[in-house]
Amino acid sequence: MREQKSFVAPDNEIVHVRFPEIKTERGVLKILSPDQAPLLHDYVCQNRTFFKEWEPARHDSYYELETSIQRIKQCRKDFLQHQAFAFFLLNPEETKILGYCNFSNLVQGVFQACYLGYSLAEAEQKKGLMHEAISAGIEYMHKTQNISRFMANYMPKNQASGAVLKRLGFVEEGRAEKYLKIAGKWEDHILTAKVLRS
């Protein structure tokens, strides 16, 4: 069996701080700190039009700096309570957010599973960065949180998202009718999962 390439930098796999920082080949995957709220604000505002088709309808207040501040506070709280791991991919200098992957609804016990959500800046498309970030995130969640089933869903028309999941080894498990309300409309979703169990 071909060994899967690791997207975690071998020389510094994980920086052991209270909030993890994972160095990838081309960036840093981390839970944002409060002083990085302006970076999150820039990310959501600069990609507002691009993300509109693929996200729930947003109120104008979502694009205010204060919302980014509160969102980071919630992300950090969720991490400490082991409810969600909201990783943002930043450039090596940590001056810009490139993308985002969130591992949420963690269930341990006999399930050991979570959901995966993700986004990538319009300017960073078609560079393999989403694959790099999610691969590193899955590796971290599997090794440190014992998660062995990752579930991700996408709209049939979002072929780019489907291609990312397929390349990551996610397998289609079904289709859900009118699954999520996206951009004000109930949308069907294709259900996929990646299972790391023997």
N, C-alpha and C. Protein backbone atom coordinates (compact mmCIF):
# COMPACT_ATOMS: atom_id res chain seq x y z
N MET A 1 0.85 -1.19 0.00
CA MET A 1 0.00 0.00 0.00
C MET A 1 0.88 1.24 0.00
N ARG A 2 0.57 2.19 -0.87
CA ARG A 2 1.38 3.40 -0.98
C ARG A 2 1.22 4.28 0.26
N GLU A 3 2.34 4.72 0.81
CA GLU A 3 2.31 5.55 2.01
C GLU A 3 1.82 6.94 1.65
N GLN A 4 0.86 7.45 2.43
CA GLN A 4 0.31 8.77 2.16
C GLN A 4 1.29 9.85 2.60
N LYS A 5 1.44 10.85 1.76
CA LYS A 5 2.36 11.94 2.06
C LYS A 5 1.85 12.76 3.22
N SER A 6 2.74 13.10 4.14
CA SER A 6 2.39 13.95 5.26
C SER A 6 2.53 15.41 4.85
N PHE A 7 1.55 16.22 5.22
CA PHE A 7 1.62 17.65 4.92
C PHE A 7 1.99 18.45 6.16
N VAL A 8 2.41 17.77 7.21
CA VAL A 8 2.94 18.45 8.39
C VAL A 8 4.46 18.48 8.27
N ALA A 9 5.04 19.67 8.40
CA ALA A 9 6.48 19.82 8.23
C ALA A 9 7.22 18.90 9.19
N PRO A 10 8.14 18.05 8.72
CA PRO A 10 8.80 17.05 9.56
C PRO A 10 9.70 17.65 10.63
N ASP A 11 10.27 18.84 10.39
CA ASP A 11 11.22 19.41 11.34
C ASP A 11 10.53 20.04 12.54
N ASN A 12 9.26 20.32 12.45
CA ASN A 12 8.55 20.95 13.56
C ASN A 12 7.08 20.61 13.45
N GLU A 13 6.76 19.37 13.74
CA GLU A 13 5.42 18.84 13.46
C GLU A 13 4.32 19.67 14.10
N ILE A 14 4.40 19.86 15.40
CA ILE A 14 3.39 20.65 16.10
C ILE A 14 4.09 21.49 17.16
N VAL A 15 3.81 22.78 17.18
CA VAL A 15 4.34 23.64 18.23
C VAL A 15 3.46 23.42 19.45
N HIS A 16 4.06 22.97 20.54
CA HIS A 16 3.27 22.59 21.70
C HIS A 16 2.98 23.80 22.59
N VAL A 17 1.96 24.51 22.22
CA VAL A 17 1.44 25.61 23.02
C VAL A 17 0.01 25.23 23.39
N ARG A 18 -0.63 26.06 24.20
CA ARG A 18 -1.99 25.74 24.62
C ARG A 18 -2.91 25.60 23.40
N PHE A 19 -2.72 26.50 22.45
CA PHE A 19 -3.45 26.42 21.19
C PHE A 19 -2.48 25.96 20.11
N PRO A 20 -2.78 24.87 19.43
CA PRO A 20 -1.81 24.28 18.49
C PRO A 20 -1.52 25.15 17.28
N GLU A 21 -0.28 25.05 16.82
CA GLU A 21 0.15 25.66 15.57
C GLU A 21 0.84 24.57 14.76
N ILE A 22 0.31 24.30 13.59
CA ILE A 22 0.83 23.23 12.74
C ILE A 22 1.49 23.85 11.52
N LYS A 23 2.78 23.60 11.38
CA LYS A 23 3.49 24.14 10.23
C LYS A 23 3.31 23.20 9.04
N THR A 24 2.79 23.72 7.94
CA THR A 24 2.63 22.94 6.73
C THR A 24 3.74 23.36 5.75
N GLU A 25 3.72 22.81 4.56
CA GLU A 25 4.76 23.13 3.58
C GLU A 25 4.79 24.60 3.20
N ARG A 26 3.60 25.22 3.16
CA ARG A 26 3.54 26.60 2.68
C ARG A 26 2.83 27.56 3.62
N GLY A 27 2.63 27.14 4.85
CA GLY A 27 1.94 28.04 5.76
C GLY A 27 1.88 27.51 7.18
N VAL A 28 1.01 28.12 7.96
CA VAL A 28 0.81 27.76 9.36
C VAL A 28 -0.68 27.55 9.59
N LEU A 29 -1.03 26.42 10.15
CA LEU A 29 -2.42 26.10 10.47
C LEU A 29 -2.60 26.29 11.97
N LYS A 30 -3.51 27.15 12.37
CA LYS A 30 -3.61 27.47 13.79
C LYS A 30 -5.00 27.98 14.18
N ILE A 31 -5.25 27.93 15.49
CA ILE A 31 -6.40 28.62 16.07
C ILE A 31 -5.99 30.08 16.21
N LEU A 32 -6.76 30.99 15.67
CA LEU A 32 -6.36 32.39 15.69
C LEU A 32 -6.31 32.95 17.11
N SER A 33 -5.40 33.88 17.33
CA SER A 33 -5.30 34.60 18.60
C SER A 33 -6.13 35.89 18.49
N PRO A 34 -6.55 36.47 19.61
CA PRO A 34 -7.41 37.66 19.57
C PRO A 34 -6.83 38.81 18.75
N ASP A 35 -5.50 38.98 18.78
CA ASP A 35 -4.91 40.09 18.04
C ASP A 35 -4.91 39.87 16.53
N GLN A 36 -5.35 38.70 16.08
CA GLN A 36 -5.41 38.42 14.65
C GLN A 36 -6.80 38.63 14.06
N ALA A 37 -7.67 39.25 14.84
CA ALA A 37 -9.02 39.55 14.35
C ALA A 37 -9.03 40.38 13.07
N PRO A 38 -8.13 41.36 12.90
CA PRO A 38 -8.12 42.11 11.64
C PRO A 38 -7.84 41.22 10.43
N LEU A 39 -7.06 40.15 10.61
CA LEU A 39 -6.79 39.23 9.50
C LEU A 39 -8.06 38.48 9.11
N LEU A 40 -8.82 38.05 10.11
CA LEU A 40 -10.08 37.36 9.83
C LEU A 40 -11.07 38.32 9.17
N HIS A 41 -11.10 39.54 9.66
CA HIS A 41 -11.98 40.56 9.08
C HIS A 41 -11.65 40.78 7.61
N ASP A 42 -10.36 40.88 7.30
CA ASP A 42 -9.94 41.04 5.90
C ASP A 42 -10.36 39.84 5.06
N TYR A 43 -10.20 38.65 5.63
CA TYR A 43 -10.52 37.42 4.89
C TYR A 43 -11.99 37.36 4.50
N VAL A 44 -12.88 37.62 5.45
CA VAL A 44 -14.31 37.53 5.14
C VAL A 44 -14.77 38.66 4.23
N CYS A 45 -14.19 39.85 4.40
CA CYS A 45 -14.60 40.99 3.58
C CYS A 45 -14.08 40.88 2.15
N GLN A 46 -12.83 40.49 2.00
CA GLN A 46 -12.23 40.40 0.67
C GLN A 46 -12.86 39.28 -0.16
N ASN A 47 -13.39 38.26 0.51
CA ASN A 47 -13.97 37.12 -0.20
C ASN A 47 -15.50 37.08 -0.12
N ARG A 48 -16.08 38.19 0.28
CA ARG A 48 -17.54 38.26 0.49
C ARG A 48 -18.32 37.80 -0.74
N THR A 49 -18.01 38.35 -1.88
CA THR A 49 -18.73 38.01 -3.10
C THR A 49 -18.45 36.57 -3.52
N PHE A 50 -17.20 36.16 -3.40
CA PHE A 50 -16.79 34.82 -3.83
C PHE A 50 -17.46 33.74 -2.99
N PHE A 51 -17.56 33.96 -1.68
CA PHE A 51 -18.14 32.96 -0.78
C PHE A 51 -19.68 32.96 -0.80
N LYS A 52 -20.29 34.02 -1.29
CA LYS A 52 -21.73 34.21 -1.17
C LYS A 52 -22.54 33.03 -1.68
N GLU A 53 -22.11 32.43 -2.78
CA GLU A 53 -22.85 31.33 -3.41
C GLU A 53 -22.80 30.04 -2.59
N TRP A 54 -21.79 29.93 -1.71
CA TRP A 54 -21.54 28.65 -1.04
C TRP A 54 -21.80 28.68 0.46
N GLU A 55 -22.23 29.81 1.00
CA GLU A 55 -22.41 29.94 2.44
C GLU A 55 -23.84 30.35 2.77
N PRO A 56 -24.23 30.21 4.05
CA PRO A 56 -25.54 30.72 4.46
C PRO A 56 -25.61 32.23 4.23
N ALA A 57 -26.81 32.75 4.06
CA ALA A 57 -26.97 34.19 3.89
C ALA A 57 -26.43 34.90 5.14
N ARG A 58 -25.65 35.94 4.92
CA ARG A 58 -25.02 36.67 6.03
C ARG A 58 -25.63 38.06 6.19
N HIS A 59 -25.85 38.46 7.44
CA HIS A 59 -26.25 39.83 7.74
C HIS A 59 -25.04 40.74 7.58
N ASP A 60 -25.27 42.00 7.30
CA ASP A 60 -24.15 42.94 7.12
C ASP A 60 -23.23 42.98 8.33
N SER A 61 -23.78 42.73 9.51
CA SER A 61 -22.97 42.78 10.73
C SER A 61 -21.89 41.70 10.75
N TYR A 62 -22.08 40.64 9.96
CA TYR A 62 -21.09 39.57 9.88
C TYR A 62 -19.74 40.09 9.38
N TYR A 63 -19.78 41.17 8.62
CA TYR A 63 -18.57 41.71 8.00
C TYR A 63 -17.95 42.85 8.80
N GLU A 64 -18.39 43.02 10.03
CA GLU A 64 -17.81 44.03 10.92
C GLU A 64 -16.66 43.42 11.72
N LEU A 65 -15.69 44.25 12.08
CA LEU A 65 -14.53 43.78 12.84
C LEU A 65 -14.94 43.15 14.16
N GLU A 66 -15.92 43.71 14.82
CA GLU A 66 -16.37 43.19 16.10
C GLU A 66 -16.84 41.74 15.98
N THR A 67 -17.47 41.40 14.86
CA THR A 67 -17.90 40.02 14.65
C THR A 67 -16.71 39.08 14.55
N SER A 68 -15.66 39.53 13.89
CA SER A 68 -14.44 38.71 13.79
C SER A 68 -13.81 38.52 15.16
N ILE A 69 -13.83 39.56 15.98
CA ILE A 69 -13.30 39.47 17.34
C ILE A 69 -14.08 38.42 18.14
N GLN A 70 -15.40 38.49 18.08
CA GLN A 70 -16.24 37.55 18.82
C GLN A 70 -16.12 36.14 18.26
N ARG A 71 -15.96 36.04 16.96
CA ARG A 71 -15.82 34.72 16.34
C ARG A 71 -14.55 34.02 16.83
N ILE A 72 -13.46 34.76 16.94
CA ILE A 72 -12.21 34.18 17.44
C ILE A 72 -12.35 33.75 18.89
N LYS A 73 -13.01 34.56 19.69
CA LYS A 73 -13.25 34.20 21.09
C LYS A 73 -14.02 32.88 21.17
N GLN A 74 -15.03 32.74 20.31
CA GLN A 74 -15.82 31.51 20.31
C GLN A 74 -15.00 30.32 19.83
N CYS A 75 -14.16 30.54 18.82
CA CYS A 75 -13.30 29.46 18.32
C CYS A 75 -12.37 28.95 19.41
N ARG A 76 -11.82 29.87 20.18
CA ARG A 76 -10.90 29.48 21.25
C ARG A 76 -11.64 28.77 22.38
N LYS A 77 -12.84 29.24 22.68
CA LYS A 77 -13.66 28.58 23.70
C LYS A 77 -14.04 27.17 23.25
N ASP A 78 -14.44 27.04 21.98
CA ASP A 78 -14.81 25.72 21.45
C ASP A 78 -13.63 24.75 21.51
N PHE A 79 -12.42 25.26 21.23
CA PHE A 79 -11.23 24.41 21.28
C PHE A 79 -10.99 23.91 22.71
N LEU A 80 -11.05 24.82 23.68
CA LEU A 80 -10.78 24.46 25.07
C LEU A 80 -11.83 23.47 25.60
N GLN A 81 -13.02 23.51 25.05
CA GLN A 81 -14.09 22.60 25.47
C GLN A 81 -14.18 21.36 24.58
N HIS A 82 -13.23 21.24 23.65
CA HIS A 82 -13.17 20.10 22.72
C HIS A 82 -14.47 19.93 21.92
N GLN A 83 -15.06 21.05 21.55
CA GLN A 83 -16.28 21.01 20.75
C GLN A 83 -15.99 21.20 19.27
N ALA A 84 -14.96 21.99 18.97
CA ALA A 84 -14.59 22.24 17.57
C ALA A 84 -13.15 22.72 17.51
N PHE A 85 -12.50 22.43 16.39
CA PHE A 85 -11.13 22.86 16.15
C PHE A 85 -11.15 23.67 14.85
N ALA A 86 -11.19 24.99 15.00
CA ALA A 86 -11.28 25.90 13.84
C ALA A 86 -9.88 26.35 13.46
N PHE A 87 -9.30 25.67 12.49
CA PHE A 87 -7.94 25.98 12.05
C PHE A 87 -7.97 26.93 10.85
N PHE A 88 -7.16 27.97 10.93
CA PHE A 88 -6.99 28.89 9.80
C PHE A 88 -5.60 28.69 9.22
N LEU A 89 -5.53 28.66 7.90
CA LEU A 89 -4.24 28.55 7.22
C LEU A 89 -3.74 29.95 6.91
N LEU A 90 -2.59 30.30 7.47
CA LEU A 90 -1.97 31.60 7.24
C LEU A 90 -0.69 31.43 6.44
N ASN A 91 -0.26 32.51 5.79
CA ASN A 91 1.04 32.48 5.13
C ASN A 91 2.13 32.37 6.20
N PRO A 92 3.36 31.98 5.85
CA PRO A 92 4.41 31.77 6.86
C PRO A 92 4.66 32.97 7.77
N GLU A 93 4.47 34.18 7.24
CA GLU A 93 4.69 35.39 8.03
C GLU A 93 3.50 35.72 8.93
N GLU A 94 2.42 34.99 8.76
CA GLU A 94 1.17 35.19 9.51
C GLU A 94 0.63 36.61 9.34
N THR A 95 0.68 37.09 8.11
CA THR A 95 0.14 38.41 7.79
C THR A 95 -1.14 38.33 6.97
N LYS A 96 -1.53 37.11 6.59
CA LYS A 96 -2.71 36.94 5.74
C LYS A 96 -3.30 35.55 5.93
N ILE A 97 -4.62 35.48 5.97
CA ILE A 97 -5.32 34.19 6.02
C ILE A 97 -5.54 33.71 4.60
N LEU A 98 -5.13 32.47 4.35
CA LEU A 98 -5.28 31.87 3.02
C LEU A 98 -6.54 31.01 2.94
N GLY A 99 -6.88 30.35 4.04
CA GLY A 99 -8.02 29.45 4.04
C GLY A 99 -8.38 29.02 5.45
N TYR A 100 -9.30 28.09 5.52
CA TYR A 100 -9.90 27.72 6.81
C TYR A 100 -10.41 26.29 6.74
N CYS A 101 -10.16 25.51 7.79
CA CYS A 101 -10.80 24.20 7.89
C CYS A 101 -11.22 23.97 9.34
N ASN A 102 -12.47 23.61 9.51
CA ASN A 102 -13.06 23.49 10.84
C ASN A 102 -13.52 22.07 11.08
N PHE A 103 -13.05 21.48 12.17
CA PHE A 103 -13.47 20.15 12.59
C PHE A 103 -14.44 20.33 13.75
N SER A 104 -15.71 20.05 13.50
CA SER A 104 -16.75 20.38 14.49
C SER A 104 -17.61 19.17 14.84
N ASN A 105 -18.48 19.38 15.85
CA ASN A 105 -19.39 18.33 16.32
C ASN A 105 -18.64 17.04 16.65
N LEU A 106 -17.57 17.18 17.42
CA LEU A 106 -16.76 16.02 17.78
C LEU A 106 -17.56 15.08 18.69
N VAL A 107 -17.51 13.80 18.36
CA VAL A 107 -18.13 12.77 19.19
C VAL A 107 -17.08 11.69 19.45
N GLN A 108 -16.84 11.40 20.71
CA GLN A 108 -15.86 10.36 21.06
C GLN A 108 -16.60 9.05 21.34
N GLY A 109 -16.16 8.31 22.31
CA GLY A 109 -16.82 7.05 22.63
C GLY A 109 -16.71 6.04 21.50
N VAL A 110 -17.82 5.43 21.14
CA VAL A 110 -17.81 4.39 20.11
C VAL A 110 -17.86 4.96 18.69
N PHE A 111 -17.99 6.28 18.55
CA PHE A 111 -18.12 6.90 17.23
C PHE A 111 -16.80 7.51 16.74
N GLN A 112 -16.16 8.32 17.59
CA GLN A 112 -14.86 8.95 17.28
C GLN A 112 -14.89 9.63 15.91
N ALA A 113 -15.80 10.58 15.77
CA ALA A 113 -16.03 11.21 14.47
C ALA A 113 -16.24 12.71 14.61
N CYS A 114 -16.16 13.39 13.47
CA CYS A 114 -16.44 14.83 13.44
C CYS A 114 -16.82 15.23 12.03
N TYR A 115 -17.33 16.46 11.91
CA TYR A 115 -17.63 17.04 10.60
C TYR A 115 -16.51 17.98 10.19
N LEU A 116 -16.32 18.10 8.89
CA LEU A 116 -15.31 18.98 8.33
C LEU A 116 -15.98 20.04 7.46
N GLY A 117 -15.61 21.30 7.71
CA GLY A 117 -16.02 22.40 6.86
C GLY A 117 -14.78 23.18 6.45
N TYR A 118 -14.82 23.86 5.32
CA TYR A 118 -13.60 24.52 4.85
C TYR A 118 -13.91 25.61 3.83
N SER A 119 -12.97 26.52 3.67
CA SER A 119 -13.06 27.55 2.63
C SER A 119 -11.64 27.98 2.27
N LEU A 120 -11.51 28.55 1.09
CA LEU A 120 -10.21 29.01 0.60
C LEU A 120 -10.40 30.33 -0.11
N ALA A 121 -9.51 31.28 0.15
CA ALA A 121 -9.59 32.60 -0.47
C ALA A 121 -9.61 32.49 -1.99
N GLU A 122 -10.35 33.39 -2.62
CA GLU A 122 -10.46 33.37 -4.08
C GLU A 122 -9.09 33.46 -4.74
N ALA A 123 -8.21 34.28 -4.17
CA ALA A 123 -6.88 34.48 -4.77
C ALA A 123 -5.97 33.28 -4.62
N GLU A 124 -6.36 32.30 -3.78
CA GLU A 124 -5.50 31.15 -3.51
C GLU A 124 -6.01 29.86 -4.15
N GLN A 125 -7.00 29.97 -5.01
CA GLN A 125 -7.58 28.79 -5.65
C GLN A 125 -6.58 28.11 -6.59
N LYS A 126 -6.77 26.80 -6.75
CA LYS A 126 -6.03 25.99 -7.71
C LYS A 126 -4.51 25.95 -7.46
N LYS A 127 -4.14 26.00 -6.18
CA LYS A 127 -2.73 25.89 -5.80
C LYS A 127 -2.46 24.67 -4.93
N GLY A 128 -3.52 23.92 -4.60
CA GLY A 128 -3.36 22.76 -3.73
C GLY A 128 -3.32 23.10 -2.26
N LEU A 129 -3.62 24.36 -1.90
CA LEU A 129 -3.52 24.78 -0.50
C LEU A 129 -4.61 24.17 0.38
N MET A 130 -5.81 23.99 -0.18
CA MET A 130 -6.88 23.41 0.62
C MET A 130 -6.56 21.96 0.95
N HIS A 131 -6.03 21.24 -0.01
CA HIS A 131 -5.60 19.85 0.22
C HIS A 131 -4.51 19.81 1.29
N GLU A 132 -3.58 20.73 1.22
CA GLU A 132 -2.48 20.78 2.18
C GLU A 132 -2.99 21.05 3.59
N ALA A 133 -3.89 22.02 3.72
CA ALA A 133 -4.41 22.40 5.04
C ALA A 133 -5.26 21.29 5.65
N ILE A 134 -6.19 20.75 4.87
CA ILE A 134 -7.06 19.70 5.40
C ILE A 134 -6.27 18.44 5.74
N SER A 135 -5.30 18.09 4.92
CA SER A 135 -4.46 16.92 5.21
C SER A 135 -3.76 17.06 6.55
N ALA A 136 -3.19 18.24 6.79
CA ALA A 136 -2.50 18.48 8.06
C ALA A 136 -3.48 18.48 9.22
N GLY A 137 -4.67 19.05 9.01
CA GLY A 137 -5.68 19.08 10.05
C GLY A 137 -6.18 17.69 10.40
N ILE A 138 -6.42 16.87 9.40
CA ILE A 138 -6.87 15.49 9.64
C ILE A 138 -5.79 14.71 10.39
N GLU A 139 -4.55 14.89 10.00
CA GLU A 139 -3.45 14.20 10.67
C GLU A 139 -3.40 14.59 12.15
N TYR A 140 -3.56 15.88 12.43
CA TYR A 140 -3.56 16.35 13.81
C TYR A 140 -4.74 15.76 14.59
N MET A 141 -5.93 15.83 14.02
CA MET A 141 -7.12 15.34 14.72
C MET A 141 -7.05 13.84 14.97
N HIS A 142 -6.48 13.11 14.03
CA HIS A 142 -6.37 11.66 14.19
C HIS A 142 -5.35 11.30 15.27
N LYS A 143 -4.22 11.99 15.26
CA LYS A 143 -3.14 11.67 16.21
C LYS A 143 -3.41 12.16 17.62
N THR A 144 -3.99 13.35 17.75
CA THR A 144 -4.13 13.96 19.07
C THR A 144 -5.52 13.83 19.68
N GLN A 145 -6.54 13.69 18.85
CA GLN A 145 -7.92 13.62 19.35
C GLN A 145 -8.57 12.26 19.12
N ASN A 146 -7.83 11.36 18.47
CA ASN A 146 -8.32 10.00 18.22
C ASN A 146 -9.57 9.98 17.34
N ILE A 147 -9.70 10.97 16.47
CA ILE A 147 -10.82 10.99 15.53
C ILE A 147 -10.46 10.11 14.33
N SER A 148 -11.35 9.20 13.98
CA SER A 148 -11.04 8.27 12.89
C SER A 148 -12.10 8.27 11.78
N ARG A 149 -13.11 9.09 11.94
CA ARG A 149 -14.12 9.24 10.88
C ARG A 149 -14.38 10.73 10.66
N PHE A 150 -14.14 11.19 9.44
CA PHE A 150 -14.31 12.60 9.09
C PHE A 150 -15.41 12.71 8.04
N MET A 151 -16.42 13.50 8.32
CA MET A 151 -17.57 13.62 7.41
C MET A 151 -17.62 15.02 6.81
N ALA A 152 -17.81 15.08 5.51
CA ALA A 152 -17.87 16.37 4.81
C ALA A 152 -18.93 16.28 3.71
N ASN A 153 -19.69 17.35 3.55
CA ASN A 153 -20.78 17.37 2.58
C ASN A 153 -20.65 18.57 1.66
N TYR A 154 -21.06 18.41 0.41
CA TYR A 154 -20.94 19.52 -0.55
C TYR A 154 -22.10 19.51 -1.53
N MET A 155 -22.40 20.67 -2.08
CA MET A 155 -23.46 20.79 -3.08
C MET A 155 -22.99 20.18 -4.40
N PRO A 156 -23.85 19.47 -5.10
CA PRO A 156 -23.45 18.83 -6.36
C PRO A 156 -22.84 19.80 -7.36
N LYS A 157 -23.30 21.05 -7.38
CA LYS A 157 -22.77 22.02 -8.34
C LYS A 157 -21.38 22.54 -7.96
N ASN A 158 -20.96 22.27 -6.72
CA ASN A 158 -19.64 22.72 -6.28
C ASN A 158 -18.60 21.64 -6.62
N GLN A 159 -18.26 21.57 -7.88
CA GLN A 159 -17.37 20.51 -8.35
C GLN A 159 -15.96 20.66 -7.78
N ALA A 160 -15.53 21.89 -7.53
CA ALA A 160 -14.19 22.10 -6.97
C ALA A 160 -14.09 21.49 -5.58
N SER A 161 -15.13 21.68 -4.78
CA SER A 161 -15.15 21.11 -3.43
C SER A 161 -15.16 19.59 -3.49
N GLY A 162 -15.95 19.04 -4.39
CA GLY A 162 -16.00 17.59 -4.56
C GLY A 162 -14.66 17.02 -4.97
N ALA A 163 -13.94 17.75 -5.83
CA ALA A 163 -12.63 17.29 -6.28
C ALA A 163 -11.62 17.29 -5.15
N VAL A 164 -11.69 18.30 -4.27
CA VAL A 164 -10.80 18.36 -3.12
C VAL A 164 -11.02 17.15 -2.22
N LEU A 165 -12.27 16.86 -1.93
CA LEU A 165 -12.59 15.74 -1.05
C LEU A 165 -12.17 14.41 -1.66
N LYS A 166 -12.40 14.25 -2.94
CA LYS A 166 -12.01 13.00 -3.61
C LYS A 166 -10.51 12.80 -3.53
N ARG A 167 -9.75 13.87 -3.77
CA ARG A 167 -8.29 13.78 -3.71
C ARG A 167 -7.80 13.45 -2.30
N LEU A 168 -8.56 13.88 -1.31
CA LEU A 168 -8.21 13.61 0.08
C LEU A 168 -8.58 12.19 0.52
N GLY A 169 -9.30 11.47 -0.33
CA GLY A 169 -9.69 10.11 0.01
C GLY A 169 -11.07 9.97 0.61
N PHE A 170 -11.89 11.03 0.52
CA PHE A 170 -13.27 10.93 1.00
C PHE A 170 -14.09 10.12 0.00
N VAL A 171 -15.01 9.33 0.54
CA VAL A 171 -15.84 8.44 -0.28
C VAL A 171 -17.30 8.87 -0.17
N GLU A 172 -17.98 8.92 -1.29
CA GLU A 172 -19.39 9.30 -1.29
C GLU A 172 -20.23 8.24 -0.60
N GLU A 173 -21.10 8.68 0.31
CA GLU A 173 -21.95 7.75 1.07
C GLU A 173 -23.44 7.95 0.81
N GLY A 174 -23.79 8.99 0.08
CA GLY A 174 -25.21 9.21 -0.19
C GLY A 174 -25.49 10.64 -0.58
N ARG A 175 -26.76 10.95 -0.67
CA ARG A 175 -27.19 12.29 -1.05
C ARG A 175 -28.36 12.68 -0.16
N ALA A 176 -28.33 13.90 0.35
CA ALA A 176 -29.38 14.40 1.23
C ALA A 176 -30.14 15.52 0.54
N GLU A 177 -31.46 15.37 0.46
CA GLU A 177 -32.28 16.37 -0.21
C GLU A 177 -32.52 17.58 0.69
N LYS A 178 -32.36 18.78 0.11
CA LYS A 178 -32.60 20.03 0.83
C LYS A 178 -31.93 19.98 2.21
N TYR A 179 -30.65 19.74 2.21
CA TYR A 179 -29.88 19.45 3.43
C TYR A 179 -29.54 20.70 4.23
N LEU A 180 -29.04 21.74 3.55
CA LEU A 180 -28.66 22.98 4.22
C LEU A 180 -29.20 24.18 3.45
N LYS A 181 -29.49 25.25 4.19
CA LYS A 181 -29.96 26.48 3.56
C LYS A 181 -28.76 27.35 3.22
N ILE A 182 -28.43 27.40 1.95
CA ILE A 182 -27.26 28.12 1.46
C ILE A 182 -27.71 29.29 0.59
N ALA A 183 -27.18 30.48 0.89
CA ALA A 183 -27.55 31.69 0.14
C ALA A 183 -29.07 31.84 0.04
N GLY A 184 -29.75 31.50 1.13
CA GLY A 184 -31.19 31.67 1.21
C GLY A 184 -32.03 30.59 0.56
N LYS A 185 -31.40 29.51 0.10
CA LYS A 185 -32.12 28.44 -0.59
C LYS A 185 -31.71 27.08 -0.05
N TRP A 186 -32.69 26.20 0.16
CA TRP A 186 -32.39 24.84 0.61
C TRP A 186 -31.71 24.07 -0.53
N GLU A 187 -30.54 23.53 -0.23
CA GLU A 187 -29.72 22.87 -1.26
C GLU A 187 -29.48 21.40 -0.92
N ASP A 188 -29.57 20.55 -1.94
CA ASP A 188 -29.17 19.15 -1.79
C ASP A 188 -27.66 19.09 -1.55
N HIS A 189 -27.23 18.07 -0.84
CA HIS A 189 -25.79 17.88 -0.60
C HIS A 189 -25.40 16.42 -0.82
N ILE A 190 -24.20 16.23 -1.30
CA ILE A 190 -23.60 14.91 -1.39
C ILE A 190 -22.84 14.65 -0.10
N LEU A 191 -23.09 13.51 0.52
CA LEU A 191 -22.50 13.16 1.81
C LEU A 191 -21.27 12.29 1.58
N THR A 192 -20.15 12.68 2.18
CA THR A 192 -18.92 11.91 2.03
C THR A 192 -18.26 11.70 3.38
N ALA A 193 -17.33 10.75 3.43
CA ALA A 193 -16.59 10.50 4.66
C ALA A 193 -15.22 9.91 4.34
N LYS A 194 -14.28 10.19 5.21
CA LYS A 194 -12.95 9.58 5.16
C LYS A 194 -12.79 8.82 6.47
N VAL A 195 -12.51 7.53 6.37
CA VAL A 195 -12.43 6.67 7.55
C VAL A 195 -11.02 6.15 7.71
N LEU A 196 -10.45 6.37 8.90
CA LEU A 196 -9.09 5.91 9.21
C LEU A 196 -9.17 4.84 10.29
N ARG A 197 -9.71 3.71 9.93
CA ARG A 197 -9.89 2.62 10.88
C ARG A 197 -9.43 1.32 10.24
N SER A 198 -8.87 0.44 11.04
CA SER A 198 -8.42 -0.85 10.52
C SER A 198 -9.53 -1.88 10.63
